[in-house]
Amino acid sequence: MSQPLVTGRAGQFAGVSTPVPAAGLLLGREAAGAGALVFAEDTEVSRRHCRIEYVNAQRRFRVTDLGSRNGSFSMPDGKRLPAQQPQLFRPGQLIRLGEHEVFELSLA
């Protein structure tokens, strides 16, 4: 089975690949603990910004904005994801948190 990854393409985590655990990956400023990607306090990322999960049966990533102030966006169209409504992404697609944090969703 392939390992789902979130890889920073721009921003604080540029060049860093983080595995997506089976229970999902929480991204935010206060997303402490296992299964979390924690951002610096001075970013546009909310305390609990979004959750990323990988759905094996669909071979898709499920991204849920958790009501963030500065939004989560699909790339390259820049469409804001609706809060609390999971959206599906194919491996290779990009998402942006706020204005500067860009991540690629991929399988290794």
PDB file of N, CA and C in Angstrom:
ATOM      1  N   MET A   1       0.832  -1.183   0.000  1.00  0.00           N
ATOM      2  CA  MET A   1       0.000   0.000   0.000  1.00  0.00           C
ATOM      3  C   MET A   1       0.878   1.247   0.000  1.00  0.00           C
ATOM      4  N   SER A   2       0.475   2.247  -0.735  1.00  0.00           N
ATOM      5  CA  SER A   2       1.207   3.501  -0.801  1.00  0.00           C
ATOM      6  C   SER A   2       0.972   4.336   0.458  1.00  0.00           C
ATOM      7  N   GLN A   3       1.975   5.134   0.803  1.00  0.00           N
ATOM      8  CA  GLN A   3       1.887   6.003   1.975  1.00  0.00           C
ATOM      9  C   GLN A   3       1.378   7.383   1.546  1.00  0.00           C
ATOM     10  N   PRO A   4       0.228   7.835   2.069  1.00  0.00           N
ATOM     11  CA  PRO A   4      -0.231   9.192   1.751  1.00  0.00           C
ATOM     12  C   PRO A   4       0.646  10.224   2.463  1.00  0.00           C
ATOM     13  N   LEU A   5       0.997  11.279   1.728  1.00  0.00           N
ATOM     14  CA  LEU A   5       1.874  12.333   2.248  1.00  0.00           C
ATOM     15  C   LEU A   5       1.288  13.712   1.970  1.00  0.00           C
ATOM     16  N   VAL A   6       1.642  14.650   2.839  1.00  0.00           N
ATOM     17  CA  VAL A   6       1.391  16.074   2.629  1.00  0.00           C
ATOM     18  C   VAL A   6       2.776  16.707   2.553  1.00  0.00           C
ATOM     19  N   THR A   7       3.093  17.337   1.408  1.00  0.00           N
ATOM     20  CA  THR A   7       4.419  17.927   1.207  1.00  0.00           C
ATOM     21  C   THR A   7       4.293  19.426   1.002  1.00  0.00           C
ATOM     22  N   GLY A   8       5.021  20.189   1.811  1.00  0.00           N
ATOM     23  CA  GLY A   8       5.008  21.643   1.680  1.00  0.00           C
ATOM     24  C   GLY A   8       5.658  22.078   0.379  1.00  0.00           C
ATOM     25  N   ARG A   9       4.990  22.930  -0.370  1.00  0.00           N
ATOM     26  CA  ARG A   9       5.526  23.482  -1.623  1.00  0.00           C
ATOM     27  C   ARG A   9       5.863  24.964  -1.493  1.00  0.00           C
ATOM     28  N   ALA A  10       5.257  25.640  -0.512  1.00  0.00           N
ATOM     29  CA  ALA A  10       5.567  27.049  -0.220  1.00  0.00           C
ATOM     30  C   ALA A  10       5.154  27.316   1.219  1.00  0.00           C
ATOM     31  N   GLY A  11       5.854  28.229   1.867  1.00  0.00           N
ATOM     32  CA  GLY A  11       5.519  28.580   3.238  1.00  0.00           C
ATOM     33  C   GLY A  11       6.424  27.912   4.259  1.00  0.00           C
ATOM     34  N   GLN A  12       5.964  27.857   5.485  1.00  0.00           N
ATOM     35  CA  GLN A  12       6.754  27.374   6.623  1.00  0.00           C
ATOM     36  C   GLN A  12       7.267  25.948   6.437  1.00  0.00           C
ATOM     37  N   PHE A  13       6.510  25.082   5.769  1.00  0.00           N
ATOM     38  CA  PHE A  13       6.901  23.678   5.635  1.00  0.00           C
ATOM     39  C   PHE A  13       7.363  23.327   4.220  1.00  0.00           C
ATOM     40  N   ALA A  14       7.840  24.305   3.454  1.00  0.00           N
ATOM     41  CA  ALA A  14       8.324  24.053   2.090  1.00  0.00           C
ATOM     42  C   ALA A  14       9.413  22.982   2.119  1.00  0.00           C
ATOM     43  N   GLY A  15       9.245  21.947   1.293  1.00  0.00           N
ATOM     44  CA  GLY A  15      10.222  20.876   1.199  1.00  0.00           C
ATOM     45  C   GLY A  15      10.085  19.783   2.239  1.00  0.00           C
ATOM     46  N   VAL A  16       9.122  19.900   3.155  1.00  0.00           N
ATOM     47  CA  VAL A  16       8.933  18.920   4.217  1.00  0.00           C
ATOM     48  C   VAL A  16       7.759  18.009   3.859  1.00  0.00           C
ATOM     49  N   SER A  17       8.002  16.690   3.899  1.00  0.00           N
ATOM     50  CA  SER A  17       6.933  15.711   3.661  1.00  0.00           C
ATOM     51  C   SER A  17       6.499  15.109   4.987  1.00  0.00           C
ATOM     52  N   THR A  18       5.197  15.072   5.211  1.00  0.00           N
ATOM     53  CA  THR A  18       4.630  14.543   6.450  1.00  0.00           C
ATOM     54  C   THR A  18       3.634  13.440   6.109  1.00  0.00           C
ATOM     55  N   PRO A  19       3.812  12.241   6.676  1.00  0.00           N
ATOM     56  CA  PRO A  19       2.842  11.167   6.430  1.00  0.00           C
ATOM     57  C   PRO A  19       1.466  11.522   7.002  1.00  0.00           C
ATOM     58  N   VAL A  20       0.423  11.075   6.321  1.00  0.00           N
ATOM     59  CA  VAL A  20      -0.944  11.257   6.803  1.00  0.00           C
ATOM     60  C   VAL A  20      -1.343   9.973   7.538  1.00  0.00           C
ATOM     61  N   PRO A  21      -1.506  10.023   8.872  1.00  0.00           N
ATOM     62  CA  PRO A  21      -1.881   8.826   9.627  1.00  0.00           C
ATOM     63  C   PRO A  21      -3.289   8.356   9.253  1.00  0.00           C
ATOM     64  N   ALA A  22      -3.605   7.124   9.585  1.00  0.00           N
ATOM     65  CA  ALA A  22      -4.923   6.569   9.290  1.00  0.00           C
ATOM     66  C   ALA A  22      -6.044   7.407   9.898  1.00  0.00           C
ATOM     67  N   ALA A  23      -5.807   8.004  11.059  1.00  0.00           N
ATOM     68  CA  ALA A  23      -6.822   8.829  11.729  1.00  0.00           C
ATOM     69  C   ALA A  23      -6.868  10.252  11.182  1.00  0.00           C
ATOM     70  N   GLY A  24      -5.967  10.591  10.258  1.00  0.00           N
ATOM     71  CA  GLY A  24      -5.948  11.927   9.669  1.00  0.00           C
ATOM     72  C   GLY A  24      -4.863  12.802  10.256  1.00  0.00           C
ATOM     73  N   LEU A  25      -4.619  13.909   9.569  1.00  0.00           N
ATOM     74  CA  LEU A  25      -3.582  14.876   9.954  1.00  0.00           C
ATOM     75  C   LEU A  25      -4.265  16.216  10.199  1.00  0.00           C
ATOM     76  N   LEU A  26      -4.080  16.770  11.401  1.00  0.00           N
ATOM     77  CA  LEU A  26      -4.646  18.063  11.760  1.00  0.00           C
ATOM     78  C   LEU A  26      -3.584  19.136  11.529  1.00  0.00           C
ATOM     79  N   LEU A  27      -3.936  20.183  10.803  1.00  0.00           N
ATOM     80  CA  LEU A  27      -3.020  21.287  10.548  1.00  0.00           C
ATOM     81  C   LEU A  27      -3.525  22.521  11.278  1.00  0.00           C
ATOM     82  N   GLY A  28      -2.634  23.177  12.038  1.00  0.00           N
ATOM     83  CA  GLY A  28      -3.023  24.377  12.764  1.00  0.00           C
ATOM     84  C   GLY A  28      -1.950  24.828  13.729  1.00  0.00           C
ATOM     85  N   ARG A  29      -2.198  25.975  14.379  1.00  0.00           N
ATOM     86  CA  ARG A  29      -1.235  26.521  15.336  1.00  0.00           C
ATOM     87  C   ARG A  29      -1.261  25.779  16.670  1.00  0.00           C
ATOM     88  N   GLU A  30      -2.399  25.160  17.010  1.00  0.00           N
ATOM     89  CA  GLU A  30      -2.511  24.439  18.282  1.00  0.00           C
ATOM     90  C   GLU A  30      -2.834  22.979  18.043  1.00  0.00           C
ATOM     91  N   ALA A  31      -2.325  22.430  16.982  1.00  0.00           N
ATOM     92  CA  ALA A  31      -2.622  21.044  16.606  1.00  0.00           C
ATOM     93  C   ALA A  31      -1.555  20.102  17.160  1.00  0.00           C
ATOM     94  N   ALA A  32      -1.359  20.136  18.461  1.00  0.00           N
ATOM     95  CA  ALA A  32      -0.267  19.384  19.082  1.00  0.00           C
ATOM     96  C   ALA A  32      -0.501  17.881  19.071  1.00  0.00           C
ATOM     97  N   GLY A  33       0.594  17.135  19.153  1.00  0.00           N
ATOM     98  CA  GLY A  33       0.532  15.693  19.307  1.00  0.00           C
ATOM     99  C   GLY A  33       0.742  14.941  18.011  1.00  0.00           C
ATOM    100  N   ALA A  34       0.638  13.621  18.122  1.00  0.00           N
ATOM    101  CA  ALA A  34       0.798  12.769  16.946  1.00  0.00           C
ATOM    102  C   ALA A  34      -0.343  13.067  15.981  1.00  0.00           C
ATOM    103  N   GLY A  35      -0.058  13.004  14.704  1.00  0.00           N
ATOM    104  CA  GLY A  35      -1.083  13.273  13.704  1.00  0.00           C
ATOM    105  C   GLY A  35      -1.378  14.743  13.548  1.00  0.00           C
ATOM    106  N   ALA A  36      -0.353  15.585  13.801  1.00  0.00           N
ATOM    107  CA  ALA A  36      -0.554  17.030  13.700  1.00  0.00           C
ATOM    108  C   ALA A  36       0.645  17.706  13.038  1.00  0.00           C
ATOM    109  N   LEU A  37       0.357  18.776  12.319  1.00  0.00           N
ATOM    110  CA  LEU A  37       1.383  19.630  11.735  1.00  0.00           C
ATOM    111  C   LEU A  37       1.166  21.007  12.359  1.00  0.00           C
ATOM    112  N   VAL A  38       2.110  21.437  13.212  1.00  0.00           N
ATOM    113  CA  VAL A  38       1.943  22.632  14.024  1.00  0.00           C
ATOM    114  C   VAL A  38       2.675  23.813  13.395  1.00  0.00           C
ATOM    115  N   PHE A  39       1.952  24.913  13.218  1.00  0.00           N
ATOM    116  CA  PHE A  39       2.489  26.123  12.609  1.00  0.00           C
ATOM    117  C   PHE A  39       2.903  27.132  13.668  1.00  0.00           C
ATOM    118  N   ALA A  40       3.790  28.043  13.292  1.00  0.00           N
ATOM    119  CA  ALA A  40       4.224  29.122  14.180  1.00  0.00           C
ATOM    120  C   ALA A  40       3.033  30.033  14.495  1.00  0.00           C
ATOM    121  N   GLU A  41       3.110  30.709  15.622  1.00  0.00           N
ATOM    122  CA  GLU A  41       2.020  31.593  16.057  1.00  0.00           C
ATOM    123  C   GLU A  41       1.787  32.773  15.115  1.00  0.00           C
ATOM    124  N   ASP A  42       2.813  33.209  14.384  1.00  0.00           N
ATOM    125  CA  ASP A  42       2.687  34.421  13.568  1.00  0.00           C
ATOM    126  C   ASP A  42       2.243  34.137  12.131  1.00  0.00           C
ATOM    127  N   THR A  43       1.577  33.021  11.894  1.00  0.00           N
ATOM    128  CA  THR A  43       1.114  32.695  10.547  1.00  0.00           C
ATOM    129  C   THR A  43      -0.368  33.028  10.400  1.00  0.00           C
ATOM    130  N   GLU A  44      -0.857  32.919   9.157  1.00  0.00           N
ATOM    131  CA  GLU A  44      -2.285  33.126   8.868  1.00  0.00           C
ATOM    132  C   GLU A  44      -3.086  31.852   9.110  1.00  0.00           C
ATOM    133  N   VAL A  45      -2.428  30.822   9.625  1.00  0.00           N
ATOM    134  CA  VAL A  45      -3.087  29.544   9.862  1.00  0.00           C
ATOM    135  C   VAL A  45      -3.805  29.600  11.209  1.00  0.00           C
ATOM    136  N   SER A  46      -5.051  29.138  11.234  1.00  0.00           N
ATOM    137  CA  SER A  46      -5.861  29.137  12.461  1.00  0.00           C
ATOM    138  C   SER A  46      -5.354  28.079  13.445  1.00  0.00           C
ATOM    139  N   ARG A  47      -5.830  28.172  14.680  1.00  0.00           N
ATOM    140  CA  ARG A  47      -5.424  27.198  15.705  1.00  0.00           C
ATOM    141  C   ARG A  47      -5.741  25.778  15.254  1.00  0.00           C
ATOM    142  N   ARG A  48      -6.931  25.554  14.733  1.00  0.00           N
ATOM    143  CA  ARG A  48      -7.344  24.265  14.158  1.00  0.00           C
ATOM    144  C   ARG A  48      -7.840  24.587  12.756  1.00  0.00           C
ATOM    145  N   HIS A  49      -6.945  24.594  11.801  1.00  0.00           N
ATOM    146  CA  HIS A  49      -7.239  25.107  10.459  1.00  0.00           C
ATOM    147  C   HIS A  49      -7.976  24.089   9.586  1.00  0.00           C
ATOM    148  N   CYS A  50      -7.378  22.911   9.400  1.00  0.00           N
ATOM    149  CA  CYS A  50      -8.018  21.898   8.564  1.00  0.00           C
ATOM    150  C   CYS A  50      -7.540  20.505   8.939  1.00  0.00           C
ATOM    151  N   ARG A  51      -8.294  19.513   8.474  1.00  0.00           N
ATOM    152  CA  ARG A  51      -7.936  18.107   8.671  1.00  0.00           C
ATOM    153  C   ARG A  51      -7.796  17.473   7.299  1.00  0.00           C
ATOM    154  N   ILE A  52      -6.742  16.664   7.148  1.00  0.00           N
ATOM    155  CA  ILE A  52      -6.512  15.936   5.900  1.00  0.00           C
ATOM    156  C   ILE A  52      -6.512  14.448   6.224  1.00  0.00           C
ATOM    157  N   GLU A  53      -7.318  13.700   5.486  1.00  0.00           N
ATOM    158  CA  GLU A  53      -7.397  12.250   5.643  1.00  0.00           C
ATOM    159  C   GLU A  53      -7.198  11.615   4.274  1.00  0.00           C
ATOM    160  N   TYR A  54      -6.799  10.355   4.265  1.00  0.00           N
ATOM    161  CA  TYR A  54      -6.720   9.615   3.004  1.00  0.00           C
ATOM    162  C   TYR A  54      -7.747   8.499   3.052  1.00  0.00           C
ATOM    163  N   VAL A  55      -8.604   8.442   2.032  1.00  0.00           N
ATOM    164  CA  VAL A  55      -9.664   7.443   1.952  1.00  0.00           C
ATOM    165  C   VAL A  55      -9.220   6.368   0.967  1.00  0.00           C
ATOM    166  N   ASN A  56      -8.747   5.240   1.502  1.00  0.00           N
ATOM    167  CA  ASN A  56      -8.234   4.162   0.652  1.00  0.00           C
ATOM    168  C   ASN A  56      -9.241   3.683  -0.384  1.00  0.00           C
ATOM    169  N   ALA A  57     -10.484   3.492   0.025  1.00  0.00           N
ATOM    170  CA  ALA A  57     -11.505   2.942  -0.869  1.00  0.00           C
ATOM    171  C   ALA A  57     -11.719   3.826  -2.103  1.00  0.00           C
ATOM    172  N   GLN A  58     -11.558   5.131  -1.938  1.00  0.00           N
ATOM    173  CA  GLN A  58     -11.769   6.071  -3.043  1.00  0.00           C
ATOM    174  C   GLN A  58     -10.459   6.522  -3.693  1.00  0.00           C
ATOM    175  N   ARG A  59      -9.343   6.171  -3.045  1.00  0.00           N
ATOM    176  CA  ARG A  59      -8.026   6.634  -3.495  1.00  0.00           C
ATOM    177  C   ARG A  59      -7.990   8.155  -3.647  1.00  0.00           C
ATOM    178  N   ARG A  60      -8.544   8.812  -2.644  1.00  0.00           N
ATOM    179  CA  ARG A  60      -8.629  10.265  -2.628  1.00  0.00           C
ATOM    180  C   ARG A  60      -8.268  10.788  -1.244  1.00  0.00           C
ATOM    181  N   PHE A  61      -7.808  12.038  -1.211  1.00  0.00           N
ATOM    182  CA  PHE A  61      -7.600  12.753   0.039  1.00  0.00           C
ATOM    183  C   PHE A  61      -8.891  13.493   0.363  1.00  0.00           C
ATOM    184  N   ARG A  62      -9.253  13.493   1.636  1.00  0.00           N
ATOM    185  CA  ARG A  62     -10.426  14.247   2.085  1.00  0.00           C
ATOM    186  C   ARG A  62      -9.909  15.403   2.938  1.00  0.00           C
ATOM    187  N   VAL A  63     -10.177  16.624   2.488  1.00  0.00           N
ATOM    188  CA  VAL A  63      -9.715  17.829   3.182  1.00  0.00           C
ATOM    189  C   VAL A  63     -10.940  18.554   3.733  1.00  0.00           C
ATOM    190  N   THR A  64     -10.904  18.828   5.040  1.00  0.00           N
ATOM    191  CA  THR A  64     -12.008  19.526   5.694  1.00  0.00           C
ATOM    192  C   THR A  64     -11.480  20.791   6.355  1.00  0.00           C
ATOM    193  N   ASP A  65     -11.949  21.948   5.895  1.00  0.00           N
ATOM    194  CA  ASP A  65     -11.629  23.208   6.568  1.00  0.00           C
ATOM    195  C   ASP A  65     -12.444  23.229   7.860  1.00  0.00           C
ATOM    196  N   LEU A  66     -11.795  23.549   8.971  1.00  0.00           N
ATOM    197  CA  LEU A  66     -12.444  23.487  10.280  1.00  0.00           C
ATOM    198  C   LEU A  66     -12.986  24.841  10.730  1.00  0.00           C
ATOM    199  N   GLY A  67     -13.397  25.665   9.765  1.00  0.00           N
ATOM    200  CA  GLY A  67     -13.920  26.985  10.089  1.00  0.00           C
ATOM    201  C   GLY A  67     -12.819  28.015  10.257  1.00  0.00           C
ATOM    202  N   SER A  68     -11.727  27.851   9.510  1.00  0.00           N
ATOM    203  CA  SER A  68     -10.568  28.755   9.630  1.00  0.00           C
ATOM    204  C   SER A  68     -10.926  30.183   9.207  1.00  0.00           C
ATOM    205  N   ARG A  69     -10.242  31.135   9.796  1.00  0.00           N
ATOM    206  CA  ARG A  69     -10.476  32.551   9.478  1.00  0.00           C
ATOM    207  C   ARG A  69      -9.980  32.905   8.079  1.00  0.00           C
ATOM    208  N   ASN A  70      -8.799  32.423   7.710  1.00  0.00           N
ATOM    209  CA  ASN A  70      -8.200  32.815   6.428  1.00  0.00           C
ATOM    210  C   ASN A  70      -8.402  31.796   5.318  1.00  0.00           C
ATOM    211  N   GLY A  71      -9.100  30.728   5.586  1.00  0.00           N
ATOM    212  CA  GLY A  71      -9.516  29.804   4.545  1.00  0.00           C
ATOM    213  C   GLY A  71      -8.515  28.748   4.117  1.00  0.00           C
ATOM    214  N   SER A  72      -9.083  27.706   3.507  1.00  0.00           N
ATOM    215  CA  SER A  72      -8.341  26.646   2.830  1.00  0.00           C
ATOM    216  C   SER A  72      -8.823  26.688   1.388  1.00  0.00           C
ATOM    217  N   PHE A  73      -7.897  26.528   0.432  1.00  0.00           N
ATOM    218  CA  PHE A  73      -8.229  26.725  -0.971  1.00  0.00           C
ATOM    219  C   PHE A  73      -7.699  25.588  -1.827  1.00  0.00           C
ATOM    220  N   SER A  74      -8.462  25.227  -2.867  1.00  0.00           N
ATOM    221  CA  SER A  74      -7.954  24.284  -3.861  1.00  0.00           C
ATOM    222  C   SER A  74      -7.080  25.076  -4.824  1.00  0.00           C
ATOM    223  N   MET A  75      -6.071  24.425  -5.366  1.00  0.00           N
ATOM    224  CA  MET A  75      -5.150  25.085  -6.300  1.00  0.00           C
ATOM    225  C   MET A  75      -5.179  24.318  -7.619  1.00  0.00           C
ATOM    226  N   PRO A  76      -4.994  24.951  -8.764  1.00  0.00           N
ATOM    227  CA  PRO A  76      -4.611  26.356  -8.930  1.00  0.00           C
ATOM    228  C   PRO A  76      -5.789  27.318  -9.031  1.00  0.00           C
ATOM    229  N   ASP A  77      -7.038  26.839  -8.931  1.00  0.00           N
ATOM    230  CA  ASP A  77      -8.183  27.740  -9.149  1.00  0.00           C
ATOM    231  C   ASP A  77      -8.439  28.714  -8.006  1.00  0.00           C
ATOM    232  N   GLY A  78      -7.886  28.448  -6.829  1.00  0.00           N
ATOM    233  CA  GLY A  78      -8.039  29.364  -5.704  1.00  0.00           C
ATOM    234  C   GLY A  78      -9.427  29.347  -5.086  1.00  0.00           C
ATOM    235  N   LYS A  79     -10.208  28.288  -5.324  1.00  0.00           N
ATOM    236  CA  LYS A  79     -11.563  28.194  -4.772  1.00  0.00           C
ATOM    237  C   LYS A  79     -11.499  27.875  -3.288  1.00  0.00           C
ATOM    238  N   ARG A  80     -12.188  28.696  -2.494  1.00  0.00           N
ATOM    239  CA  ARG A  80     -12.202  28.476  -1.045  1.00  0.00           C
ATOM    240  C   ARG A  80     -13.060  27.260  -0.713  1.00  0.00           C
ATOM    241  N   LEU A  81     -12.539  26.401   0.170  1.00  0.00           N
ATOM    242  CA  LEU A  81     -13.285  25.227   0.592  1.00  0.00           C
ATOM    243  C   LEU A  81     -14.341  25.657   1.611  1.00  0.00           C
ATOM    244  N   PRO A  82     -15.564  25.142   1.495  1.00  0.00           N
ATOM    245  CA  PRO A  82     -16.594  25.488   2.480  1.00  0.00           C
ATOM    246  C   PRO A  82     -16.250  24.882   3.839  1.00  0.00           C
ATOM    247  N   ALA A  83     -16.508  25.631   4.902  1.00  0.00           N
ATOM    248  CA  ALA A  83     -16.190  25.162   6.260  1.00  0.00           C
ATOM    249  C   ALA A  83     -17.012  23.930   6.618  1.00  0.00           C
ATOM    250  N   GLN A  84     -16.342  22.980   7.269  1.00  0.00           N
ATOM    251  CA  GLN A  84     -16.967  21.767   7.809  1.00  0.00           C
ATOM    252  C   GLN A  84     -17.606  20.878   6.743  1.00  0.00           C
ATOM    253  N   GLN A  85     -17.213  21.044   5.473  1.00  0.00           N
ATOM    254  CA  GLN A  85     -17.743  20.205   4.396  1.00  0.00           C
ATOM    255  C   GLN A  85     -16.575  19.528   3.690  1.00  0.00           C
ATOM    256  N   PRO A  86     -16.325  18.245   3.995  1.00  0.00           N
ATOM    257  CA  PRO A  86     -15.179  17.544   3.406  1.00  0.00           C
ATOM    258  C   PRO A  86     -15.192  17.599   1.878  1.00  0.00           C
ATOM    259  N   GLN A  87     -14.010  17.845   1.299  1.00  0.00           N
ATOM    260  CA  GLN A  87     -13.839  17.904  -0.149  1.00  0.00           C
ATOM    261  C   GLN A  87     -12.805  16.850  -0.545  1.00  0.00           C
ATOM    262  N   LEU A  88     -13.017  16.192  -1.675  1.00  0.00           N
ATOM    263  CA  LEU A  88     -12.094  15.154  -2.134  1.00  0.00           C
ATOM    264  C   LEU A  88     -11.086  15.709  -3.132  1.00  0.00           C
ATOM    265  N   PHE A  89      -9.837  15.251  -2.991  1.00  0.00           N
ATOM    266  CA  PHE A  89      -8.736  15.652  -3.866  1.00  0.00           C
ATOM    267  C   PHE A  89      -7.994  14.416  -4.346  1.00  0.00           C
ATOM    268  N   ARG A  90      -7.540  14.453  -5.587  1.00  0.00           N
ATOM    269  CA  ARG A  90      -6.721  13.376  -6.140  1.00  0.00           C
ATOM    270  C   ARG A  90      -5.267  13.566  -5.707  1.00  0.00           C
ATOM    271  N   PRO A  91      -4.511  12.475  -5.618  1.00  0.00           N
ATOM    272  CA  PRO A  91      -3.067  12.621  -5.388  1.00  0.00           C
ATOM    273  C   PRO A  91      -2.471  13.519  -6.483  1.00  0.00           C
ATOM    274  N   GLY A  92      -1.567  14.385  -6.074  1.00  0.00           N
ATOM    275  CA  GLY A  92      -0.932  15.317  -6.999  1.00  0.00           C
ATOM    276  C   GLY A  92      -1.543  16.705  -6.962  1.00  0.00           C
ATOM    277  N   GLN A  93      -2.732  16.837  -6.370  1.00  0.00           N
ATOM    278  CA  GLN A  93      -3.360  18.151  -6.290  1.00  0.00           C
ATOM    279  C   GLN A  93      -2.749  18.975  -5.159  1.00  0.00           C
ATOM    280  N   LEU A  94      -2.931  20.304  -5.256  1.00  0.00           N
ATOM    281  CA  LEU A  94      -2.393  21.241  -4.276  1.00  0.00           C
ATOM    282  C   LEU A  94      -3.522  21.902  -3.498  1.00  0.00           C
ATOM    283  N   ILE A  95      -3.230  22.223  -2.237  1.00  0.00           N
ATOM    284  CA  ILE A  95      -4.132  23.041  -1.433  1.00  0.00           C
ATOM    285  C   ILE A  95      -3.313  24.180  -0.841  1.00  0.00           C
ATOM    286  N   ARG A  96      -4.014  25.273  -0.501  1.00  0.00           N
ATOM    287  CA  ARG A  96      -3.351  26.426   0.124  1.00  0.00           C
ATOM    288  C   ARG A  96      -4.110  26.782   1.397  1.00  0.00           C
ATOM    289  N   LEU A  97      -3.359  27.063   2.454  1.00  0.00           N
ATOM    290  CA  LEU A  97      -3.935  27.540   3.705  1.00  0.00           C
ATOM    291  C   LEU A  97      -3.584  29.012   3.826  1.00  0.00           C
ATOM    292  N   GLY A  98      -4.590  29.868   3.989  1.00  0.00           N
ATOM    293  CA  GLY A  98      -4.337  31.301   4.007  1.00  0.00           C
ATOM    294  C   GLY A  98      -3.768  31.736   2.668  1.00  0.00           C
ATOM    295  N   GLU A  99      -2.813  32.663   2.695  1.00  0.00           N
ATOM    296  CA  GLU A  99      -2.228  33.184   1.455  1.00  0.00           C
ATOM    297  C   GLU A  99      -0.926  32.505   1.046  1.00  0.00           C
ATOM    298  N   HIS A 100      -0.209  31.875   1.996  1.00  0.00           N
ATOM    299  CA  HIS A 100       1.170  31.479   1.709  1.00  0.00           C
ATOM    300  C   HIS A 100       1.533  30.012   1.897  1.00  0.00           C
ATOM    301  N   GLU A 101       0.711  29.259   2.612  1.00  0.00           N
ATOM    302  CA  GLU A 101       1.063  27.867   2.933  1.00  0.00           C
ATOM    303  C   GLU A 101       0.474  26.932   1.877  1.00  0.00           C
ATOM    304  N   VAL A 102       1.343  26.387   1.004  1.00  0.00           N
ATOM    305  CA  VAL A 102       0.885  25.520  -0.088  1.00  0.00           C
ATOM    306  C   VAL A 102       1.402  24.104   0.151  1.00  0.00           C
ATOM    307  N   PHE A 103       0.514  23.124  -0.040  1.00  0.00           N
ATOM    308  CA  PHE A 103       0.847  21.718   0.166  1.00  0.00           C
ATOM    309  C   PHE A 103       0.398  20.882  -1.017  1.00  0.00           C
ATOM    310  N   GLU A 104       1.216  19.864  -1.340  1.00  0.00           N
ATOM    311  CA  GLU A 104       0.840  18.877  -2.338  1.00  0.00           C
ATOM    312  C   GLU A 104       0.394  17.614  -1.618  1.00  0.00           C
ATOM    313  N   LEU A 105      -0.701  17.037  -2.103  1.00  0.00           N
ATOM    314  CA  LEU A 105      -1.217  15.780  -1.570  1.00  0.00           C
ATOM    315  C   LEU A 105      -0.696  14.680  -2.478  1.00  0.00           C
ATOM    316  N   SER A 106       0.012  13.702  -1.930  1.00  0.00           N
ATOM    317  CA  SER A 106       0.642  12.708  -2.799  1.00  0.00           C
ATOM    318  C   SER A 106       0.714  11.340  -2.132  1.00  0.00           C
ATOM    319  N   LEU A 107       1.101  10.341  -2.937  1.00  0.00           N
ATOM    320  CA  LEU A 107       1.347   8.990  -2.465  1.00  0.00           C
ATOM    321  C   LEU A 107       2.794   8.645  -2.740  1.00  0.00           C
ATOM    322  N   ALA A 108       3.460   8.024  -1.769  1.00  0.00           N
ATOM    323  CA  ALA A 108       4.855   7.646  -1.947  1.00  0.00           C
ATOM    324  C   ALA A 108       4.968   6.144  -2.151  1.00  0.00           C
TER     325      ALA A 108
END
